[in-house]
Protein backbone atom coordinates (compact mmCIF):
# COMPACT_ATOMS: atom_id res chain seq x y z
CA MET A 1 50.87 3.42 -1.89
CA MET A 2 50.13 1.98 1.50
CA PRO A 3 50.03 -1.94 2.29
CA ARG A 4 46.09 -3.37 2.29
CA PRO A 5 46.06 -3.14 6.40
CA GLN A 6 47.61 0.21 7.18
CA LEU A 7 45.05 1.17 4.80
CA LEU A 8 41.75 -0.34 5.80
CA PHE A 9 42.96 0.92 9.68
CA PHE A 10 43.23 4.75 8.19
CA LEU A 11 39.81 4.05 6.04
CA SER A 12 37.97 3.48 9.24
CA PHE A 13 40.05 5.57 11.56
CA LEU A 14 38.77 8.30 9.04
CA LEU A 15 35.53 7.27 9.01
CA LEU A 16 35.10 6.84 12.91
CA PHE A 17 37.32 10.36 13.18
CA ASN A 18 35.97 12.68 10.95
CA ARG A 19 35.44 16.23 11.75
CA SER A 20 31.93 16.20 12.43
CA SER A 21 31.72 12.94 14.32
CA PHE A 22 34.47 14.16 16.59
CA PHE A 23 33.29 17.45 17.71
CA LEU A 24 29.62 16.36 18.01
CA ALA A 25 27.72 19.84 19.71
CA PRO A 26 25.56 19.67 22.11
CA LYS A 27 21.77 19.96 20.33
CA LYS A 28 19.94 23.45 21.00
CA LEU A 29 16.46 23.24 21.68
CA LEU A 30 13.73 25.08 20.19
CA GLU A 31 11.87 27.47 22.51
CA ASN A 32 8.44 28.20 22.30
CA GLY A 33 6.52 29.29 19.21
CA GLU A 34 9.64 27.64 17.28
CA ILE A 35 8.65 25.88 14.28
CA CYS A 36 9.79 21.90 15.16
CA THR A 37 9.18 18.55 13.52
CA THR A 38 9.34 16.31 17.12
CA ASN A 39 8.60 16.86 20.46
CA GLN A 40 12.50 15.68 21.87
CA LYS A 41 13.22 19.26 20.22
CA CYS A 42 11.73 21.27 22.24
CA LYS A 43 12.66 22.48 25.52
CA SER A 44 9.25 21.95 26.94
CA GLY A 45 8.81 18.87 25.58
CA CYS A 46 5.73 19.38 23.53
CA CYS A 47 5.46 20.15 19.47
CA ARG A 48 1.97 21.20 18.94
CA LYS A 49 0.32 20.43 15.23
CA GLY A 50 -1.50 23.86 14.71
CA GLU A 51 -5.58 23.97 14.24
CA GLU A 52 -5.61 25.75 11.39
CA ASN A 53 -2.41 24.76 8.91
CA CYS A 54 0.29 22.19 8.65
CA GLU A 55 2.83 23.97 10.75
CA SER A 56 3.60 22.38 14.17
CA HIS A 57 5.07 25.09 16.85
CA CYS A 58 6.20 24.52 19.82
CA THR A 59 4.39 24.97 22.78
CA THR A 60 4.02 24.63 26.32
CA LYS A 61 2.21 21.46 28.37
CA GLY A 62 -0.99 22.25 29.98
CA SER A 63 -2.19 24.83 32.70
CA GLU A 64 -5.26 23.51 34.93
CA GLY A 65 -8.33 23.92 33.08
CA SER A 66 -6.42 23.44 29.59
CA LYS A 67 -7.52 20.16 26.88
CA CYS A 68 -4.87 18.00 26.89
CA HIS A 69 -4.41 14.56 25.88
CA THR A 70 -1.41 11.41 25.78
CA GLU A 71 -1.31 10.68 22.58
CA ILE A 72 1.31 11.66 19.67
CA PHE A 73 0.55 11.00 16.37
CA PHE A 74 3.49 11.07 14.07
CA GLY A 75 5.97 12.51 16.67
CA LEU A 76 3.23 15.73 17.85
CA TYR A 77 0.44 15.79 19.85
CA ASN A 78 -2.70 17.93 19.18
CA GLU A 79 -3.34 19.22 22.57
CA CYS A 80 0.07 19.39 24.66
CA PRO A 81 0.30 17.10 27.54
CA CYS A 82 -0.43 18.46 31.40
CA GLY A 83 2.69 20.24 33.21
CA SER A 84 3.45 19.27 36.70
CA ASN A 85 1.28 18.65 39.59
CA LEU A 86 -1.45 18.23 37.08
CA THR A 87 -2.75 15.15 35.77
CA CYS A 88 -4.71 14.97 32.06
CA VAL A 89 -9.07 13.81 33.18
CA PHE A 90 -10.44 12.28 30.69
CA PRO A 91 -14.82 12.32 30.52
CA LYS A 92 -15.67 9.02 31.51
CA ASN A 93 -18.28 6.32 29.67
CA GLN A 94 -17.94 8.35 26.41
CA LYS A 95 -17.87 6.35 23.36
CA THR A 96 -17.24 7.45 19.88
CA PHE A 97 -15.04 7.67 16.98
CA LYS A 98 -13.43 11.13 17.80
CA LEU A 99 -10.10 12.52 19.48
CA ILE A 100 -11.60 12.67 23.03
CA TYR A 101 -9.77 14.86 25.16
CA GLY A 102 -9.56 15.02 28.37
CA SER A 103 -8.42 18.20 31.02
CA CYS A 104 -6.08 19.23 32.77
CA GLU A 105 -6.61 18.92 36.55
CA LYS A 106 -4.91 19.40 39.65
CA TYR A 107 -2.94 15.88 40.82
CA VAL A 108 -3.72 15.48 44.46
CA LYS A 109 -2.58 12.92 46.49
CA LYS A 110 -5.42 10.96 47.75
CA THR A 111 -4.54 9.23 51.82
CA HIS A 112 -6.45 6.30 53.30
CA THR A 113 -7.91 6.28 56.24
CA ARG A 114 -8.14 3.66 58.54
CA THR A 115 -10.74 2.47 59.87
CA TRP A 116 -10.97 0.95 63.35
CA PHE A 117 -12.91 -2.20 64.04
């Protein structure tokens, strides 16, 4: 039998460098249409909950004019956020207890014009 300090070292070595943790393979991201559980598992970054059932699928981010939302519920989106160069614009002064969805619109950087007095 091994002396106690060597046994502890050997067991800690086995715990730290077991086969599953030492040779970690990179995680494969899911393609659009595949079933997902969180946004981080999708290539697009959007795991959208289905309307008619409880399944969630990886989906592309919103295009111009499509519905969007920026809040995540339990790691999933009800509607995906907008794609690049688009922003989610919400209706103004709408008071309701239901979820409010916005629409994806082009983001235009406003330039300030100088006024000379």
